[in-house]
PDB file of N, CA and C in Angstrom:
ATOM      1  N   MET A   1      -4.506  12.852  -1.688  1.00  0.00           N
ATOM      2  CA  MET A   1      -4.871  11.699  -2.485  1.00  0.00           C
ATOM      3  C   MET A   1      -6.087  11.049  -1.833  1.00  0.00           C
ATOM      4  N   SER A   2      -7.079  10.708  -2.638  1.00  0.00           N
ATOM      5  CA  SER A   2      -8.305  10.141  -2.079  1.00  0.00           C
ATOM      6  C   SER A   2      -8.118   8.664  -1.726  1.00  0.00           C
ATOM      7  N   ILE A   3      -8.976   8.180  -0.846  1.00  0.00           N
ATOM      8  CA  ILE A   3      -8.957   6.768  -0.466  1.00  0.00           C
ATOM      9  C   ILE A   3      -9.177   5.896  -1.701  1.00  0.00           C
ATOM     10  N   GLU A   4     -10.043   6.323  -2.594  1.00  0.00           N
ATOM     11  CA  GLU A   4     -10.316   5.558  -3.809  1.00  0.00           C
ATOM     12  C   GLU A   4      -9.071   5.431  -4.681  1.00  0.00           C
ATOM     13  N   GLU A   5      -8.295   6.516  -4.818  1.00  0.00           N
ATOM     14  CA  GLU A   5      -7.056   6.479  -5.598  1.00  0.00           C
ATOM     15  C   GLU A   5      -6.022   5.559  -4.943  1.00  0.00           C
ATOM     16  N   ILE A   6      -5.937   5.609  -3.622  1.00  0.00           N
ATOM     17  CA  ILE A   6      -5.011   4.749  -2.882  1.00  0.00           C
ATOM     18  C   ILE A   6      -5.395   3.280  -3.092  1.00  0.00           C
ATOM     19  N   GLN A   7      -6.683   2.975  -2.933  1.00  0.00           N
ATOM     20  CA  GLN A   7      -7.139   1.600  -3.102  1.00  0.00           C
ATOM     21  C   GLN A   7      -6.891   1.107  -4.528  1.00  0.00           C
ATOM     22  N   GLU A   8      -7.165   1.932  -5.519  1.00  0.00           N
ATOM     23  CA  GLU A   8      -6.959   1.539  -6.912  1.00  0.00           C
ATOM     24  C   GLU A   8      -5.498   1.194  -7.182  1.00  0.00           C
ATOM     25  N   THR A   9      -4.589   1.984  -6.666  1.00  0.00           N
ATOM     26  CA  THR A   9      -3.159   1.710  -6.852  1.00  0.00           C
ATOM     27  C   THR A   9      -2.759   0.440  -6.127  1.00  0.00           C
ATOM     28  N   MET A  10      -3.258   0.251  -4.908  1.00  0.00           N
ATOM     29  CA  MET A  10      -2.943  -0.950  -4.139  1.00  0.00           C
ATOM     30  C   MET A  10      -3.396  -2.199  -4.894  1.00  0.00           C
ATOM     31  N   VAL A  11      -4.586  -2.160  -5.450  1.00  0.00           N
ATOM     32  CA  VAL A  11      -5.161  -3.308  -6.140  1.00  0.00           C
ATOM     33  C   VAL A  11      -4.457  -3.582  -7.471  1.00  0.00           C
ATOM     34  N   ASN A  12      -4.084  -2.539  -8.185  1.00  0.00           N
ATOM     35  CA  ASN A  12      -3.596  -2.687  -9.557  1.00  0.00           C
ATOM     36  C   ASN A  12      -2.078  -2.715  -9.701  1.00  0.00           C
ATOM     37  N   SER A  13      -1.350  -2.900  -8.628  1.00  0.00           N
ATOM     38  CA  SER A  13       0.104  -2.878  -8.733  1.00  0.00           C
ATOM     39  C   SER A  13       0.661  -4.096  -9.474  1.00  0.00           C
ATOM     40  N   ASP A  14      -0.042  -5.224  -9.457  1.00  0.00           N
ATOM     41  CA  ASP A  14       0.321  -6.417 -10.240  1.00  0.00           C
ATOM     42  C   ASP A  14       1.802  -6.777 -10.165  1.00  0.00           C
ATOM     43  N   GLN A  15       2.325  -6.921  -8.964  1.00  0.00           N
ATOM     44  CA  GLN A  15       3.710  -7.322  -8.737  1.00  0.00           C
ATOM     45  C   GLN A  15       4.749  -6.324  -9.260  1.00  0.00           C
ATOM     46  N   ARG A  16       4.312  -5.119  -9.560  1.00  0.00           N
ATOM     47  CA  ARG A  16       5.262  -4.061  -9.921  1.00  0.00           C
ATOM     48  C   ARG A  16       5.653  -3.319  -8.657  1.00  0.00           C
ATOM     49  N   ARG A  17       6.825  -2.722  -8.682  1.00  0.00           N
ATOM     50  CA  ARG A  17       7.280  -1.963  -7.516  1.00  0.00           C
ATOM     51  C   ARG A  17       6.384  -0.751  -7.308  1.00  0.00           C
ATOM     52  N   ILE A  18       6.156  -0.446  -6.059  1.00  0.00           N
ATOM     53  CA  ILE A  18       5.414   0.759  -5.716  1.00  0.00           C
ATOM     54  C   ILE A  18       6.248   1.617  -4.782  1.00  0.00           C
ATOM     55  N   GLU A  19       5.834   2.857  -4.691  1.00  0.00           N
ATOM     56  CA  GLU A  19       6.409   3.792  -3.728  1.00  0.00           C
ATOM     57  C   GLU A  19       5.242   4.410  -2.988  1.00  0.00           C
ATOM     58  N   TYR A  20       5.322   4.422  -1.678  1.00  0.00           N
ATOM     59  CA  TYR A  20       4.307   5.154  -0.929  1.00  0.00           C
ATOM     60  C   TYR A  20       4.982   6.048   0.084  1.00  0.00           C
ATOM     61  N   VAL A  21       4.306   7.137   0.384  1.00  0.00           N
ATOM     62  CA  VAL A  21       4.752   8.092   1.391  1.00  0.00           C
ATOM     63  C   VAL A  21       3.764   7.998   2.538  1.00  0.00           C
ATOM     64  N   ASP A  22       4.287   7.781   3.745  1.00  0.00           N
ATOM     65  CA  ASP A  22       3.399   7.678   4.897  1.00  0.00           C
ATOM     66  C   ASP A  22       3.059   9.068   5.434  1.00  0.00           C
ATOM     67  N   LYS A  23       2.176   9.114   6.392  1.00  0.00           N
ATOM     68  CA  LYS A  23       1.690  10.385   6.950  1.00  0.00           C
ATOM     69  C   LYS A  23       2.798  11.195   7.624  1.00  0.00           C
ATOM     70  N   GLU A  24       3.907  10.532   7.976  1.00  0.00           N
ATOM     71  CA  GLU A  24       5.033  11.232   8.604  1.00  0.00           C
ATOM     72  C   GLU A  24       6.033  11.743   7.573  1.00  0.00           C
ATOM     73  N   GLY A  25       5.760  11.493   6.278  1.00  0.00           N
ATOM     74  CA  GLY A  25       6.632  11.982   5.219  1.00  0.00           C
ATOM     75  C   GLY A  25       7.736  11.025   4.803  1.00  0.00           C
ATOM     76  N   ASN A  26       7.750   9.812   5.351  1.00  0.00           N
ATOM     77  CA  ASN A  26       8.759   8.820   4.990  1.00  0.00           C
ATOM     78  C   ASN A  26       8.371   8.113   3.699  1.00  0.00           C
ATOM     79  N   THR A  27       9.337   7.900   2.808  1.00  0.00           N
ATOM     80  CA  THR A  27       9.104   7.228   1.541  1.00  0.00           C
ATOM     81  C   THR A  27       9.549   5.773   1.640  1.00  0.00           C
ATOM     82  N   HIS A  28       8.705   4.868   1.128  1.00  0.00           N
ATOM     83  CA  HIS A  28       8.973   3.436   1.157  1.00  0.00           C
ATOM     84  C   HIS A  28       8.802   2.875  -0.249  1.00  0.00           C
ATOM     85  N   THR A  29       9.685   1.966  -0.665  1.00  0.00           N
ATOM     86  CA  THR A  29       9.549   1.312  -1.962  1.00  0.00           C
ATOM     87  C   THR A  29       9.589  -0.196  -1.763  1.00  0.00           C
ATOM     88  N   GLY A  30       8.859  -0.889  -2.631  1.00  0.00           N
ATOM     89  CA  GLY A  30       8.806  -2.343  -2.556  1.00  0.00           C
ATOM     90  C   GLY A  30       7.646  -2.873  -3.366  1.00  0.00           C
ATOM     91  N   PHE A  31       7.063  -3.963  -2.895  1.00  0.00           N
ATOM     92  CA  PHE A  31       5.996  -4.642  -3.612  1.00  0.00           C
ATOM     93  C   PHE A  31       4.806  -4.904  -2.693  1.00  0.00           C
ATOM     94  N   VAL A  32       3.611  -4.966  -3.290  1.00  0.00           N
ATOM     95  CA  VAL A  32       2.437  -5.393  -2.555  1.00  0.00           C
ATOM     96  C   VAL A  32       2.442  -6.912  -2.568  1.00  0.00           C
ATOM     97  N   ASP A  33       2.548  -7.527  -1.394  1.00  0.00           N
ATOM     98  CA  ASP A  33       2.513  -8.980  -1.307  1.00  0.00           C
ATOM     99  C   ASP A  33       1.067  -9.465  -1.282  1.00  0.00           C
ATOM    100  N   VAL A  34       0.258  -8.880  -0.406  1.00  0.00           N
ATOM    101  CA  VAL A  34      -1.156  -9.237  -0.307  1.00  0.00           C
ATOM    102  C   VAL A  34      -1.951  -7.957  -0.100  1.00  0.00           C
ATOM    103  N   TYR A  35      -3.019  -7.810  -0.871  1.00  0.00           N
ATOM    104  CA  TYR A  35      -3.946  -6.697  -0.691  1.00  0.00           C
ATOM    105  C   TYR A  35      -5.202  -7.237  -0.040  1.00  0.00           C
ATOM    106  N   GLU A  36      -5.723  -6.534   0.957  1.00  0.00           N
ATOM    107  CA  GLU A  36      -6.964  -6.937   1.608  1.00  0.00           C
ATOM    108  C   GLU A  36      -7.919  -5.749   1.619  1.00  0.00           C
ATOM    109  N   SER A  37      -9.063  -5.925   0.992  1.00  0.00           N
ATOM    110  CA  SER A  37     -10.035  -4.831   0.921  1.00  0.00           C
ATOM    111  C   SER A  37     -10.708  -4.618   2.266  1.00  0.00           C
ATOM    112  N   ALA A  38     -11.339  -3.475   2.413  1.00  0.00           N
ATOM    113  CA  ALA A  38     -12.072  -3.186   3.647  1.00  0.00           C
ATOM    114  C   ALA A  38     -13.154  -4.229   3.878  1.00  0.00           C
ATOM    115  N   TYR A  39     -13.766  -4.681   2.801  1.00  0.00           N
ATOM    116  CA  TYR A  39     -14.841  -5.671   2.899  1.00  0.00           C
ATOM    117  C   TYR A  39     -14.326  -6.986   3.485  1.00  0.00           C
ATOM    118  N   ASP A  40     -13.116  -7.372   3.104  1.00  0.00           N
ATOM    119  CA  ASP A  40     -12.540  -8.648   3.541  1.00  0.00           C
ATOM    120  C   ASP A  40     -11.773  -8.555   4.860  1.00  0.00           C
ATOM    121  N   ASN A  41     -11.559  -7.352   5.339  1.00  0.00           N
ATOM    122  CA  ASN A  41     -10.703  -7.175   6.500  1.00  0.00           C
ATOM    123  C   ASN A  41     -11.498  -7.324   7.789  1.00  0.00           C
ATOM    124  N   ASP A  42     -11.120  -8.308   8.587  1.00  0.00           N
ATOM    125  CA  ASP A  42     -11.824  -8.570   9.844  1.00  0.00           C
ATOM    126  C   ASP A  42     -11.396  -7.643  10.973  1.00  0.00           C
ATOM    127  N   GLU A  43     -10.162  -7.119  10.883  1.00  0.00           N
ATOM    128  CA  GLU A  43      -9.627  -6.346  11.995  1.00  0.00           C
ATOM    129  C   GLU A  43     -10.120  -4.899  12.003  1.00  0.00           C
ATOM    130  N   TYR A  44     -10.116  -4.260  10.833  1.00  0.00           N
ATOM    131  CA  TYR A  44     -10.548  -2.862  10.731  1.00  0.00           C
ATOM    132  C   TYR A  44     -11.419  -2.703   9.501  1.00  0.00           C
ATOM    133  N   ASP A  45     -12.193  -1.649   9.477  1.00  0.00           N
ATOM    134  CA  ASP A  45     -13.075  -1.385   8.332  1.00  0.00           C
ATOM    135  C   ASP A  45     -12.349  -0.504   7.312  1.00  0.00           C
ATOM    136  N   GLU A  46     -11.196  -0.972   6.843  1.00  0.00           N
ATOM    137  CA  GLU A  46     -10.443  -0.262   5.826  1.00  0.00           C
ATOM    138  C   GLU A  46      -9.521  -1.239   5.116  1.00  0.00           C
ATOM    139  N   SER A  47      -9.018  -0.822   3.976  1.00  0.00           N
ATOM    140  CA  SER A  47      -8.126  -1.677   3.199  1.00  0.00           C
ATOM    141  C   SER A  47      -6.722  -1.646   3.781  1.00  0.00           C
ATOM    142  N   SER A  48      -5.988  -2.712   3.499  1.00  0.00           N
ATOM    143  CA  SER A  48      -4.600  -2.785   3.931  1.00  0.00           C
ATOM    144  C   SER A  48      -3.814  -3.584   2.910  1.00  0.00           C
ATOM    145  N   LEU A  49      -2.504  -3.501   3.028  1.00  0.00           N
ATOM    146  CA  LEU A  49      -1.662  -4.330   2.188  1.00  0.00           C
ATOM    147  C   LEU A  49      -0.502  -4.848   3.016  1.00  0.00           C
ATOM    148  N   CYS A  50      -0.076  -6.045   2.666  1.00  0.00           N
ATOM    149  CA  CYS A  50       1.160  -6.580   3.222  1.00  0.00           C
ATOM    150  C   CYS A  50       2.234  -6.104   2.259  1.00  0.00           C
ATOM    151  N   PHE A  51       3.128  -5.289   2.753  1.00  0.00           N
ATOM    152  CA  PHE A  51       4.119  -4.613   1.931  1.00  0.00           C
ATOM    153  C   PHE A  51       5.479  -5.263   2.125  1.00  0.00           C
ATOM    154  N   ALA A  52       6.061  -5.708   1.019  1.00  0.00           N
ATOM    155  CA  ALA A  52       7.407  -6.280   1.036  1.00  0.00           C
ATOM    156  C   ALA A  52       8.367  -5.191   0.597  1.00  0.00           C
ATOM    157  N   GLY A  53       9.023  -4.572   1.557  1.00  0.00           N
ATOM    158  CA  GLY A  53       9.920  -3.459   1.279  1.00  0.00           C
ATOM    159  C   GLY A  53      11.200  -3.907   0.594  1.00  0.00           C
ATOM    160  N   ASP A  54      11.825  -2.999  -0.135  1.00  0.00           N
ATOM    161  CA  ASP A  54      13.101  -3.283  -0.786  1.00  0.00           C
ATOM    162  C   ASP A  54      14.171  -3.682   0.228  1.00  0.00           C
ATOM    163  N   ASP A  55      13.984  -3.275   1.488  1.00  0.00           N
ATOM    164  CA  ASP A  55      14.941  -3.615   2.541  1.00  0.00           C
ATOM    165  C   ASP A  55      14.690  -5.003   3.135  1.00  0.00           C
ATOM    166  N   GLY A  56      13.694  -5.731   2.591  1.00  0.00           N
ATOM    167  CA  GLY A  56      13.381  -7.076   3.052  1.00  0.00           C
ATOM    168  C   GLY A  56      12.355  -7.132   4.167  1.00  0.00           C
ATOM    169  N   GLU A  57      11.956  -5.983   4.681  1.00  0.00           N
ATOM    170  CA  GLU A  57      10.983  -5.943   5.767  1.00  0.00           C
ATOM    171  C   GLU A  57       9.572  -6.147   5.228  1.00  0.00           C
ATOM    172  N   MET A  58       8.796  -6.969   5.914  1.00  0.00           N
ATOM    173  CA  MET A  58       7.383  -7.175   5.587  1.00  0.00           C
ATOM    174  C   MET A  58       6.556  -6.456   6.644  1.00  0.00           C
ATOM    175  N   ILE A  59       5.695  -5.549   6.206  1.00  0.00           N
ATOM    176  CA  ILE A  59       4.858  -4.812   7.149  1.00  0.00           C
ATOM    177  C   ILE A  59       3.429  -4.712   6.625  1.00  0.00           C
ATOM    178  N   ILE A  60       2.510  -4.515   7.535  1.00  0.00           N
ATOM    179  CA  ILE A  60       1.119  -4.249   7.171  1.00  0.00           C
ATOM    180  C   ILE A  60       0.952  -2.742   7.094  1.00  0.00           C
ATOM    181  N   VAL A  61       0.404  -2.267   5.996  1.00  0.00           N
ATOM    182  CA  VAL A  61       0.185  -0.834   5.801  1.00  0.00           C
ATOM    183  C   VAL A  61      -1.319  -0.603   5.633  1.00  0.00           C
ATOM    184  N   TRP A  62      -1.876   0.239   6.486  1.00  0.00           N
ATOM    185  CA  TRP A  62      -3.306   0.565   6.420  1.00  0.00           C
ATOM    186  C   TRP A  62      -3.507   1.800   5.554  1.00  0.00           C
ATOM    187  N   GLU A  63      -4.634   1.854   4.858  1.00  0.00           N
ATOM    188  CA  GLU A  63      -4.867   2.968   3.942  1.00  0.00           C
ATOM    189  C   GLU A  63      -4.820   4.320   4.642  1.00  0.00           C
ATOM    190  N   HIS A  64      -5.208   4.399   5.911  1.00  0.00           N
ATOM    191  CA  HIS A  64      -5.194   5.691   6.602  1.00  0.00           C
ATOM    192  C   HIS A  64      -3.768   6.184   6.881  1.00  0.00           C
ATOM    193  N   ASP A  65      -2.772   5.285   6.764  1.00  0.00           N
ATOM    194  CA  ASP A  65      -1.378   5.670   6.998  1.00  0.00           C
ATOM    195  C   ASP A  65      -0.670   6.156   5.731  1.00  0.00           C
ATOM    196  N   ILE A  66      -1.354   6.082   4.581  1.00  0.00           N
ATOM    197  CA  ILE A  66      -0.733   6.427   3.304  1.00  0.00           C
ATOM    198  C   ILE A  66      -1.106   7.847   2.893  1.00  0.00           C
ATOM    199  N   GLU A  67      -0.094   8.661   2.663  1.00  0.00           N
ATOM    200  CA  GLU A  67      -0.299  10.025   2.166  1.00  0.00           C
ATOM    201  C   GLU A  67      -0.419  10.003   0.636  1.00  0.00           C
ATOM    202  N   SER A  68       0.475   9.254  -0.007  1.00  0.00           N
ATOM    203  CA  SER A  68       0.424   9.097  -1.465  1.00  0.00           C
ATOM    204  C   SER A  68       1.050   7.751  -1.836  1.00  0.00           C
ATOM    205  N   ILE A  69       0.646   7.240  -2.983  1.00  0.00           N
ATOM    206  CA  ILE A  69       1.150   5.954  -3.446  1.00  0.00           C
ATOM    207  C   ILE A  69       1.154   5.966  -4.966  1.00  0.00           C
ATOM    208  N   ARG A  70       2.168   5.307  -5.547  1.00  0.00           N
ATOM    209  CA  ARG A  70       2.237   5.243  -6.996  1.00  0.00           C
ATOM    210  C   ARG A  70       2.992   3.994  -7.418  1.00  0.00           C
ATOM    211  N   ILE A  71       2.667   3.543  -8.613  1.00  0.00           N
ATOM    212  CA  ILE A  71       3.379   2.414  -9.190  1.00  0.00           C
ATOM    213  C   ILE A  71       4.611   2.955  -9.892  1.00  0.00           C
ATOM    214  N   LEU A  72       5.744   2.350  -9.615  1.00  0.00           N
ATOM    215  CA  LEU A  72       6.998   2.773 -10.242  1.00  0.00           C
ATOM    216  C   LEU A  72       7.128   2.089 -11.599  1.00  0.00           C
ATOM    217  N   GLU A  73       7.519   2.834 -12.588  1.00  0.00           N
ATOM    218  CA  GLU A  73       7.679   2.295 -13.936  1.00  0.00           C
ATOM    219  C   GLU A  73       9.091   1.769 -14.104  1.00  0.00           C
ATOM    220  N   GLY A  74       9.226   0.746 -14.935  1.00  0.00           N
ATOM    221  CA  GLY A  74      10.542   0.226 -15.283  1.00  0.00           C
ATOM    222  C   GLY A  74      11.103  -0.783 -14.360  1.00  0.00           C
TER     223      GLY A  74
END
């Protein structure tokens, strides 16, 4: 999956549930709480999202850690 496809999904999730698979093959489901583009990110030159997992955990996910991402329907 290209960086552009990952960024587009991150930006367009609109409070819908997403599923992403990390580089280690683990699947995570939840919501994008905050999306930060590479342009706006002071820490690294890449996009990130604050991910609110279905398990209640809030984590920062960097685009380089995402193998695939999709918006879940329904």
